[in-house]
Amino acid sequence: MVFDRNLLIGFAAGVVVGLVGYKFVSSHKEQIEAKLQGLGVGANNADGATACEDTSSELTLEDLEAQKERLEDLIAEQQQKQNGAQG
């Protein structure tokens, strides 16, 4: 099997970029987790469970209603943007 020089250069560049990205994420892990937790997306809890798993037992009814209203507002805003782009 003959390897093209461009293929080998591309593979090497991909490995280098992957290593640099891994090093960056490793060194900024706490900052990334804090931002994700602030967004409520993908942040890990102490027991390793993700924030997307069932946490309804930890939330009060008021918290759930506030989240529902926030989601409804976001949906209405998105619908307005789509209607504005179409019209």
N, C-alpha and C. Protein backbone atom coordinates (compact mmCIF):
# COMPACT_ATOMS: atom_id res chain seq x y z
N MET A 1 0.85 -1.17 0.00
CA MET A 1 0.00 0.00 0.00
C MET A 1 0.90 1.23 0.00
N VAL A 2 0.65 2.12 -0.88
CA VAL A 2 1.46 3.32 -1.03
C VAL A 2 0.75 4.47 -0.32
N PHE A 3 1.49 5.14 0.58
CA PHE A 3 0.94 6.29 1.28
C PHE A 3 1.37 7.56 0.57
N ASP A 4 0.43 8.41 0.33
CA ASP A 4 0.72 9.70 -0.28
C ASP A 4 1.34 10.60 0.78
N ARG A 5 2.26 11.43 0.38
CA ARG A 5 2.94 12.33 1.32
C ARG A 5 1.93 13.27 1.98
N ASN A 6 0.95 13.77 1.22
CA ASN A 6 -0.07 14.66 1.77
C ASN A 6 -0.91 13.96 2.84
N LEU A 7 -1.17 12.69 2.64
CA LEU A 7 -1.92 11.91 3.63
C LEU A 7 -1.14 11.81 4.93
N LEU A 8 0.13 11.52 4.85
CA LEU A 8 0.95 11.42 6.05
C LEU A 8 1.08 12.77 6.76
N ILE A 9 1.24 13.84 6.01
CA ILE A 9 1.32 15.17 6.62
C ILE A 9 0.00 15.52 7.29
N GLY A 10 -1.10 15.22 6.64
CA GLY A 10 -2.41 15.49 7.22
C GLY A 10 -2.65 14.68 8.48
N PHE A 11 -2.23 13.42 8.46
CA PHE A 11 -2.38 12.58 9.65
C PHE A 11 -1.55 13.13 10.81
N ALA A 12 -0.30 13.49 10.53
CA ALA A 12 0.58 14.04 11.56
C ALA A 12 0.00 15.34 12.12
N ALA A 13 -0.51 16.20 11.25
CA ALA A 13 -1.10 17.46 11.70
C ALA A 13 -2.32 17.20 12.59
N GLY A 14 -3.12 16.22 12.22
CA GLY A 14 -4.29 15.87 13.03
C GLY A 14 -3.91 15.37 14.40
N VAL A 15 -2.86 14.56 14.46
CA VAL A 15 -2.39 14.06 15.75
C VAL A 15 -1.90 15.20 16.62
N VAL A 16 -1.14 16.12 16.02
CA VAL A 16 -0.60 17.25 16.78
C VAL A 16 -1.74 18.13 17.30
N VAL A 17 -2.71 18.44 16.45
CA VAL A 17 -3.85 19.27 16.87
C VAL A 17 -4.65 18.56 17.96
N GLY A 18 -4.82 17.26 17.83
CA GLY A 18 -5.53 16.50 18.87
C GLY A 18 -4.82 16.54 20.20
N LEU A 19 -3.50 16.41 20.18
CA LEU A 19 -2.73 16.46 21.42
C LEU A 19 -2.78 17.85 22.05
N VAL A 20 -2.68 18.88 21.22
CA VAL A 20 -2.75 20.25 21.75
C VAL A 20 -4.13 20.50 22.34
N GLY A 21 -5.18 20.06 21.67
CA GLY A 21 -6.54 20.21 22.19
C GLY A 21 -6.74 19.46 23.50
N TYR A 22 -6.22 18.25 23.57
CA TYR A 22 -6.34 17.48 24.81
C TYR A 22 -5.62 18.17 25.95
N LYS A 23 -4.42 18.68 25.68
CA LYS A 23 -3.65 19.39 26.71
C LYS A 23 -4.39 20.63 27.18
N PHE A 24 -4.99 21.37 26.23
CA PHE A 24 -5.74 22.57 26.58
C PHE A 24 -6.93 22.23 27.47
N VAL A 25 -7.69 21.22 27.07
CA VAL A 25 -8.87 20.83 27.85
C VAL A 25 -8.45 20.33 29.23
N SER A 26 -7.37 19.57 29.29
CA SER A 26 -6.90 19.06 30.58
C SER A 26 -6.48 20.18 31.51
N SER A 27 -5.82 21.19 30.97
CA SER A 27 -5.33 22.27 31.82
C SER A 27 -6.44 23.24 32.21
N HIS A 28 -7.54 23.28 31.48
CA HIS A 28 -8.65 24.18 31.78
C HIS A 28 -9.91 23.43 32.20
N LYS A 29 -9.74 22.24 32.73
CA LYS A 29 -10.87 21.38 33.06
C LYS A 29 -11.84 22.04 34.04
N GLU A 30 -11.33 22.66 35.08
CA GLU A 30 -12.19 23.27 36.09
C GLU A 30 -13.00 24.41 35.50
N GLN A 31 -12.38 25.23 34.68
CA GLN A 31 -13.09 26.36 34.06
C GLN A 31 -14.18 25.85 33.12
N ILE A 32 -13.89 24.83 32.36
CA ILE A 32 -14.85 24.28 31.41
C ILE A 32 -16.03 23.68 32.16
N GLU A 33 -15.75 22.92 33.21
CA GLU A 33 -16.83 22.32 33.99
C GLU A 33 -17.69 23.38 34.66
N ALA A 34 -17.07 24.47 35.14
CA ALA A 34 -17.84 25.54 35.78
C ALA A 34 -18.77 26.20 34.77
N LYS A 35 -18.28 26.44 33.56
CA LYS A 35 -19.12 27.06 32.53
C LYS A 35 -20.25 26.12 32.13
N LEU A 36 -19.95 24.83 31.98
CA LEU A 36 -20.99 23.87 31.62
C LEU A 36 -22.03 23.75 32.73
N GLN A 37 -21.57 23.75 33.96
CA GLN A 37 -22.50 23.65 35.08
C GLN A 37 -23.38 24.89 35.14
N GLY A 38 -22.80 26.06 34.84
CA GLY A 38 -23.59 27.28 34.80
C GLY A 38 -24.66 27.23 33.74
N LEU A 39 -24.37 26.55 32.64
CA LEU A 39 -25.35 26.39 31.57
C LEU A 39 -26.30 25.24 31.84
N GLY A 40 -25.94 24.37 32.79
CA GLY A 40 -26.76 23.20 33.09
C GLY A 40 -26.65 22.12 32.05
N VAL A 41 -25.50 22.06 31.37
CA VAL A 41 -25.32 21.09 30.29
C VAL A 41 -24.07 20.28 30.54
N GLY A 42 -24.21 18.96 30.60
CA GLY A 42 -23.08 18.06 30.57
C GLY A 42 -22.11 18.11 31.72
N ALA A 43 -22.35 18.87 32.73
CA ALA A 43 -21.43 18.93 33.85
C ALA A 43 -21.59 17.69 34.71
N ASN A 44 -20.51 17.16 35.21
CA ASN A 44 -20.55 15.96 36.03
C ASN A 44 -20.77 16.31 37.49
N ASN A 45 -21.60 15.52 38.14
CA ASN A 45 -21.78 15.65 39.58
C ASN A 45 -20.69 14.87 40.28
N ALA A 46 -20.66 14.92 41.60
CA ALA A 46 -19.63 14.23 42.36
C ALA A 46 -19.70 12.72 42.16
N ASP A 47 -20.89 12.18 41.95
CA ASP A 47 -21.03 10.74 41.77
C ASP A 47 -20.86 10.30 40.31
N GLY A 48 -20.50 11.23 39.43
CA GLY A 48 -20.26 10.88 38.05
C GLY A 48 -21.49 10.95 37.16
N ALA A 49 -22.63 11.27 37.72
CA ALA A 49 -23.84 11.39 36.91
C ALA A 49 -23.84 12.72 36.19
N THR A 50 -24.40 12.74 35.01
CA THR A 50 -24.43 13.99 34.26
C THR A 50 -25.62 14.82 34.67
N ALA A 51 -25.56 16.11 34.38
CA ALA A 51 -26.62 17.03 34.76
C ALA A 51 -27.89 16.75 33.96
N CYS A 52 -27.79 16.02 32.87
CA CYS A 52 -28.95 15.74 32.04
C CYS A 52 -29.78 14.59 32.59
N GLU A 53 -29.26 13.85 33.55
CA GLU A 53 -30.00 12.74 34.12
C GLU A 53 -31.09 13.25 35.04
N ASP A 54 -31.93 12.36 35.52
CA ASP A 54 -33.08 12.72 36.33
C ASP A 54 -32.65 13.38 37.63
N THR A 55 -32.90 14.68 37.74
CA THR A 55 -32.61 15.42 38.95
C THR A 55 -33.88 16.07 39.49
N SER A 56 -35.02 15.59 39.04
CA SER A 56 -36.28 16.21 39.43
C SER A 56 -36.55 16.09 40.92
N SER A 57 -35.98 15.11 41.59
CA SER A 57 -36.19 14.97 43.02
C SER A 57 -35.47 16.07 43.80
N GLU A 58 -34.47 16.70 43.18
CA GLU A 58 -33.73 17.77 43.85
C GLU A 58 -34.36 19.13 43.61
N LEU A 59 -35.25 19.26 42.63
CA LEU A 59 -35.84 20.54 42.29
C LEU A 59 -37.18 20.72 42.96
N THR A 60 -37.44 21.96 43.36
CA THR A 60 -38.75 22.27 43.94
C THR A 60 -39.73 22.57 42.81
N LEU A 61 -40.98 22.62 43.15
CA LEU A 61 -42.02 22.91 42.18
C LEU A 61 -41.82 24.31 41.59
N GLU A 62 -41.42 25.25 42.43
CA GLU A 62 -41.18 26.61 41.96
C GLU A 62 -40.03 26.65 40.95
N ASP A 63 -38.97 25.88 41.22
CA ASP A 63 -37.84 25.83 40.30
C ASP A 63 -38.27 25.26 38.94
N LEU A 64 -39.07 24.21 38.99
CA LEU A 64 -39.53 23.59 37.75
C LEU A 64 -40.43 24.53 36.96
N GLU A 65 -41.31 25.26 37.66
CA GLU A 65 -42.18 26.21 36.97
C GLU A 65 -41.38 27.35 36.37
N ALA A 66 -40.35 27.81 37.06
CA ALA A 66 -39.50 28.88 36.53
C ALA A 66 -38.76 28.40 35.28
N GLN A 67 -38.27 27.17 35.31
CA GLN A 67 -37.61 26.62 34.13
C GLN A 67 -38.58 26.46 32.97
N LYS A 68 -39.80 26.06 33.28
CA LYS A 68 -40.83 25.90 32.24
C LYS A 68 -41.12 27.23 31.58
N GLU A 69 -41.28 28.28 32.38
CA GLU A 69 -41.55 29.61 31.83
C GLU A 69 -40.37 30.10 30.99
N ARG A 70 -39.17 29.84 31.45
CA ARG A 70 -37.98 30.24 30.71
C ARG A 70 -37.93 29.53 29.35
N LEU A 71 -38.23 28.24 29.35
CA LEU A 71 -38.24 27.48 28.11
C LEU A 71 -39.34 27.97 27.17
N GLU A 72 -40.50 28.28 27.71
CA GLU A 72 -41.58 28.79 26.88
C GLU A 72 -41.19 30.13 26.26
N ASP A 73 -40.51 30.99 27.02
CA ASP A 73 -40.04 32.26 26.49
C ASP A 73 -39.02 32.05 25.37
N LEU A 74 -38.11 31.11 25.58
CA LEU A 74 -37.11 30.82 24.55
C LEU A 74 -37.75 30.26 23.28
N ILE A 75 -38.75 29.40 23.45
CA ILE A 75 -39.46 28.84 22.30
C ILE A 75 -40.18 29.95 21.54
N ALA A 76 -40.86 30.84 22.26
CA ALA A 76 -41.59 31.93 21.61
C ALA A 76 -40.61 32.86 20.87
N GLU A 77 -39.48 33.14 21.48
CA GLU A 77 -38.47 33.99 20.84
C GLU A 77 -37.93 33.34 19.57
N GLN A 78 -37.67 32.05 19.64
CA GLN A 78 -37.17 31.33 18.46
C GLN A 78 -38.22 31.32 17.34
N GLN A 79 -39.47 31.13 17.71
CA GLN A 79 -40.54 31.14 16.71
C GLN A 79 -40.68 32.50 16.06
N GLN A 80 -40.52 33.57 16.84
CA GLN A 80 -40.57 34.92 16.28
C GLN A 80 -39.42 35.15 15.29
N LYS A 81 -38.24 34.65 15.64
CA LYS A 81 -37.09 34.79 14.75
C LYS A 81 -37.33 34.06 13.44
N GLN A 82 -37.90 32.85 13.53
CA GLN A 82 -38.17 32.07 12.32
C GLN A 82 -39.26 32.72 11.48
N ASN A 83 -40.29 33.24 12.13
CA ASN A 83 -41.37 33.90 11.39
C ASN A 83 -40.86 35.19 10.76
N GLY A 84 -39.98 35.91 11.45
CA GLY A 84 -39.41 37.14 10.91
C GLY A 84 -38.51 36.87 9.72
N ALA A 85 -37.80 35.76 9.75
CA ALA A 85 -36.90 35.40 8.64
C ALA A 85 -37.70 34.95 7.43
N GLN A 86 -38.85 34.33 7.65
CA GLN A 86 -39.67 33.83 6.54
C GLN A 86 -40.50 34.95 5.93
N GLY A 87 -40.92 35.91 6.73
CA GLY A 87 -41.86 36.92 6.27
C GLY A 87 -41.25 38.15 5.80
